[in-house]
Protein backbone atom coordinates (compact mmCIF):
# COMPACT_ATOMS: atom_id res chain seq x y z
CA UNK A 1 0.00 0.00 0.00
CA UNK A 2 1.06 3.56 -0.69
CA UNK A 3 -0.11 6.75 0.99
CA UNK A 4 -1.34 9.52 -1.27
CA UNK A 5 -2.27 13.18 -0.99
CA UNK A 6 -4.81 14.61 -3.41
CA UNK A 7 -5.43 18.35 -3.45
CA UNK A 8 -8.76 19.59 -4.82
CA UNK A 9 -10.10 23.07 -5.55
CA UNK A 10 -12.71 24.26 -3.05
CA UNK A 11 -13.85 22.75 0.23
CA UNK A 12 -15.53 19.35 0.13
CA UNK A 13 -17.88 18.41 2.94
CA UNK A 14 -16.56 15.85 5.46
CA UNK A 15 -19.38 13.50 4.46
CA UNK A 16 -17.41 12.63 1.30
CA UNK A 17 -14.74 10.78 3.30
CA UNK A 18 -16.46 7.35 3.08
CA UNK A 19 -17.03 7.83 -0.67
CA UNK A 20 -13.29 8.40 -1.04
CA UNK A 21 -12.51 5.03 0.57
CA UNK A 22 -11.97 6.50 4.03
CA UNK A 23 -9.49 9.16 2.96
CA UNK A 24 -9.11 11.92 5.52
CA UNK A 25 -10.73 15.16 4.28
CA UNK A 26 -8.86 18.30 5.39
CA UNK A 27 -9.96 21.88 4.60
CA UNK A 28 -6.91 24.02 3.96
CA UNK A 29 -6.79 27.77 4.76
CA UNK A 30 -6.20 28.58 1.08
CA UNK A 31 -9.67 27.30 0.14
CA UNK A 32 -8.58 23.88 -1.10
CA UNK A 33 -9.32 20.39 0.23
CA UNK A 34 -6.60 17.83 0.83
CA UNK A 35 -7.43 14.13 0.88
CA UNK A 36 -4.97 11.83 2.69
CA UNK A 37 -5.10 8.06 2.66
CA UNK A 38 -3.78 4.70 1.54
CA UNK A 39 -4.27 3.13 -1.86
CA UNK A 40 -3.78 -0.61 -2.39
CA UNK A 41 -2.53 -0.44 -5.98
CA UNK A 42 -2.63 1.51 -9.24
CA UNK A 43 -6.12 0.25 -10.08
CA UNK A 44 -7.42 1.63 -6.77
CA UNK A 45 -5.67 4.94 -7.45
CA UNK A 46 -7.33 5.19 -10.86
CA UNK A 47 -10.69 4.45 -9.21
CA UNK A 48 -10.11 7.24 -6.71
CA UNK A 49 -9.14 9.67 -9.48
CA UNK A 50 -12.28 8.64 -11.36
CA UNK A 51 -14.37 9.65 -8.34
CA UNK A 52 -12.73 13.09 -8.35
CA UNK A 53 -13.51 13.37 -12.07
CA UNK A 54 -17.12 12.30 -11.51
CA UNK A 55 -17.57 15.04 -8.90
CA UNK A 56 -16.38 17.63 -11.39
CA UNK A 57 -13.99 19.12 -8.83
CA UNK A 58 -10.68 20.39 -10.26
CA UNK A 59 -7.76 18.19 -9.23
CA UNK A 60 -4.78 20.39 -8.33
CA UNK A 61 -2.18 17.83 -7.22
CA UNK A 62 -1.48 14.15 -6.60
CA UNK A 63 1.52 13.22 -4.47
CA UNK A 64 2.90 9.97 -3.10
CA UNK A 65 3.59 10.46 0.61
CA UNK A 66 6.82 9.13 2.14
CA UNK A 67 6.67 5.83 3.99
CA UNK A 68 6.12 6.09 7.73
CA UNK A 69 9.02 4.86 9.80
C-alpha atoms as a PDB file:
ATOM      1  CA  UNK A   1       0.000   0.000   0.000  1.00  0.00           C
ATOM      2  CA  UNK A   2       1.057   3.555  -0.685  1.00  0.00           C
ATOM      3  CA  UNK A   3      -0.110   6.753   0.992  1.00  0.00           C
ATOM      4  CA  UNK A   4      -1.343   9.523  -1.272  1.00  0.00           C
ATOM      5  CA  UNK A   5      -2.266  13.182  -0.992  1.00  0.00           C
ATOM      6  CA  UNK A   6      -4.814  14.612  -3.409  1.00  0.00           C
ATOM      7  CA  UNK A   7      -5.432  18.354  -3.454  1.00  0.00           C
ATOM      8  CA  UNK A   8      -8.756  19.594  -4.818  1.00  0.00           C
ATOM      9  CA  UNK A   9     -10.098  23.074  -5.552  1.00  0.00           C
ATOM     10  CA  UNK A  10     -12.712  24.263  -3.048  1.00  0.00           C
ATOM     11  CA  UNK A  11     -13.848  22.753   0.235  1.00  0.00           C
ATOM     12  CA  UNK A  12     -15.530  19.346   0.130  1.00  0.00           C
ATOM     13  CA  UNK A  13     -17.879  18.409   2.939  1.00  0.00           C
ATOM     14  CA  UNK A  14     -16.556  15.855   5.462  1.00  0.00           C
ATOM     15  CA  UNK A  15     -19.378  13.497   4.463  1.00  0.00           C
ATOM     16  CA  UNK A  16     -17.414  12.630   1.301  1.00  0.00           C
ATOM     17  CA  UNK A  17     -14.740  10.776   3.296  1.00  0.00           C
ATOM     18  CA  UNK A  18     -16.465   7.345   3.082  1.00  0.00           C
ATOM     19  CA  UNK A  19     -17.034   7.826  -0.669  1.00  0.00           C
ATOM     20  CA  UNK A  20     -13.292   8.400  -1.038  1.00  0.00           C
ATOM     21  CA  UNK A  21     -12.512   5.029   0.567  1.00  0.00           C
ATOM     22  CA  UNK A  22     -11.974   6.495   4.029  1.00  0.00           C
ATOM     23  CA  UNK A  23      -9.491   9.161   2.959  1.00  0.00           C
ATOM     24  CA  UNK A  24      -9.113  11.925   5.518  1.00  0.00           C
ATOM     25  CA  UNK A  25     -10.730  15.160   4.276  1.00  0.00           C
ATOM     26  CA  UNK A  26      -8.863  18.302   5.393  1.00  0.00           C
ATOM     27  CA  UNK A  27      -9.963  21.875   4.603  1.00  0.00           C
ATOM     28  CA  UNK A  28      -6.908  24.018   3.957  1.00  0.00           C
ATOM     29  CA  UNK A  29      -6.794  27.768   4.760  1.00  0.00           C
ATOM     30  CA  UNK A  30      -6.198  28.578   1.085  1.00  0.00           C
ATOM     31  CA  UNK A  31      -9.671  27.299   0.144  1.00  0.00           C
ATOM     32  CA  UNK A  32      -8.583  23.876  -1.103  1.00  0.00           C
ATOM     33  CA  UNK A  33      -9.323  20.394   0.225  1.00  0.00           C
ATOM     34  CA  UNK A  34      -6.599  17.830   0.826  1.00  0.00           C
ATOM     35  CA  UNK A  35      -7.431  14.129   0.883  1.00  0.00           C
ATOM     36  CA  UNK A  36      -4.970  11.831   2.687  1.00  0.00           C
ATOM     37  CA  UNK A  37      -5.100   8.059   2.661  1.00  0.00           C
ATOM     38  CA  UNK A  38      -3.781   4.696   1.539  1.00  0.00           C
ATOM     39  CA  UNK A  39      -4.265   3.127  -1.862  1.00  0.00           C
ATOM     40  CA  UNK A  40      -3.780  -0.608  -2.388  1.00  0.00           C
ATOM     41  CA  UNK A  41      -2.528  -0.435  -5.985  1.00  0.00           C
ATOM     42  CA  UNK A  42      -2.627   1.511  -9.242  1.00  0.00           C
ATOM     43  CA  UNK A  43      -6.120   0.245 -10.083  1.00  0.00           C
ATOM     44  CA  UNK A  44      -7.418   1.631  -6.768  1.00  0.00           C
ATOM     45  CA  UNK A  45      -5.673   4.945  -7.451  1.00  0.00           C
ATOM     46  CA  UNK A  46      -7.331   5.193 -10.859  1.00  0.00           C
ATOM     47  CA  UNK A  47     -10.691   4.447  -9.211  1.00  0.00           C
ATOM     48  CA  UNK A  48     -10.109   7.243  -6.709  1.00  0.00           C
ATOM     49  CA  UNK A  49      -9.140   9.672  -9.484  1.00  0.00           C
ATOM     50  CA  UNK A  50     -12.284   8.643 -11.356  1.00  0.00           C
ATOM     51  CA  UNK A  51     -14.372   9.654  -8.339  1.00  0.00           C
ATOM     52  CA  UNK A  52     -12.733  13.090  -8.355  1.00  0.00           C
ATOM     53  CA  UNK A  53     -13.505  13.368 -12.074  1.00  0.00           C
ATOM     54  CA  UNK A  54     -17.124  12.301 -11.511  1.00  0.00           C
ATOM     55  CA  UNK A  55     -17.566  15.037  -8.896  1.00  0.00           C
ATOM     56  CA  UNK A  56     -16.378  17.632 -11.392  1.00  0.00           C
ATOM     57  CA  UNK A  57     -13.988  19.118  -8.833  1.00  0.00           C
ATOM     58  CA  UNK A  58     -10.679  20.394 -10.258  1.00  0.00           C
ATOM     59  CA  UNK A  59      -7.755  18.186  -9.230  1.00  0.00           C
ATOM     60  CA  UNK A  60      -4.783  20.387  -8.332  1.00  0.00           C
ATOM     61  CA  UNK A  61      -2.180  17.828  -7.221  1.00  0.00           C
ATOM     62  CA  UNK A  62      -1.478  14.150  -6.598  1.00  0.00           C
ATOM     63  CA  UNK A  63       1.520  13.217  -4.470  1.00  0.00           C
ATOM     64  CA  UNK A  64       2.904   9.966  -3.098  1.00  0.00           C
ATOM     65  CA  UNK A  65       3.590  10.463   0.605  1.00  0.00           C
ATOM     66  CA  UNK A  66       6.821   9.129   2.142  1.00  0.00           C
ATOM     67  CA  UNK A  67       6.665   5.832   3.988  1.00  0.00           C
ATOM     68  CA  UNK A  68       6.121   6.091   7.726  1.00  0.00           C
ATOM     69  CA  UNK A  69       9.021   4.859   9.804  1.00  0.00           C
END
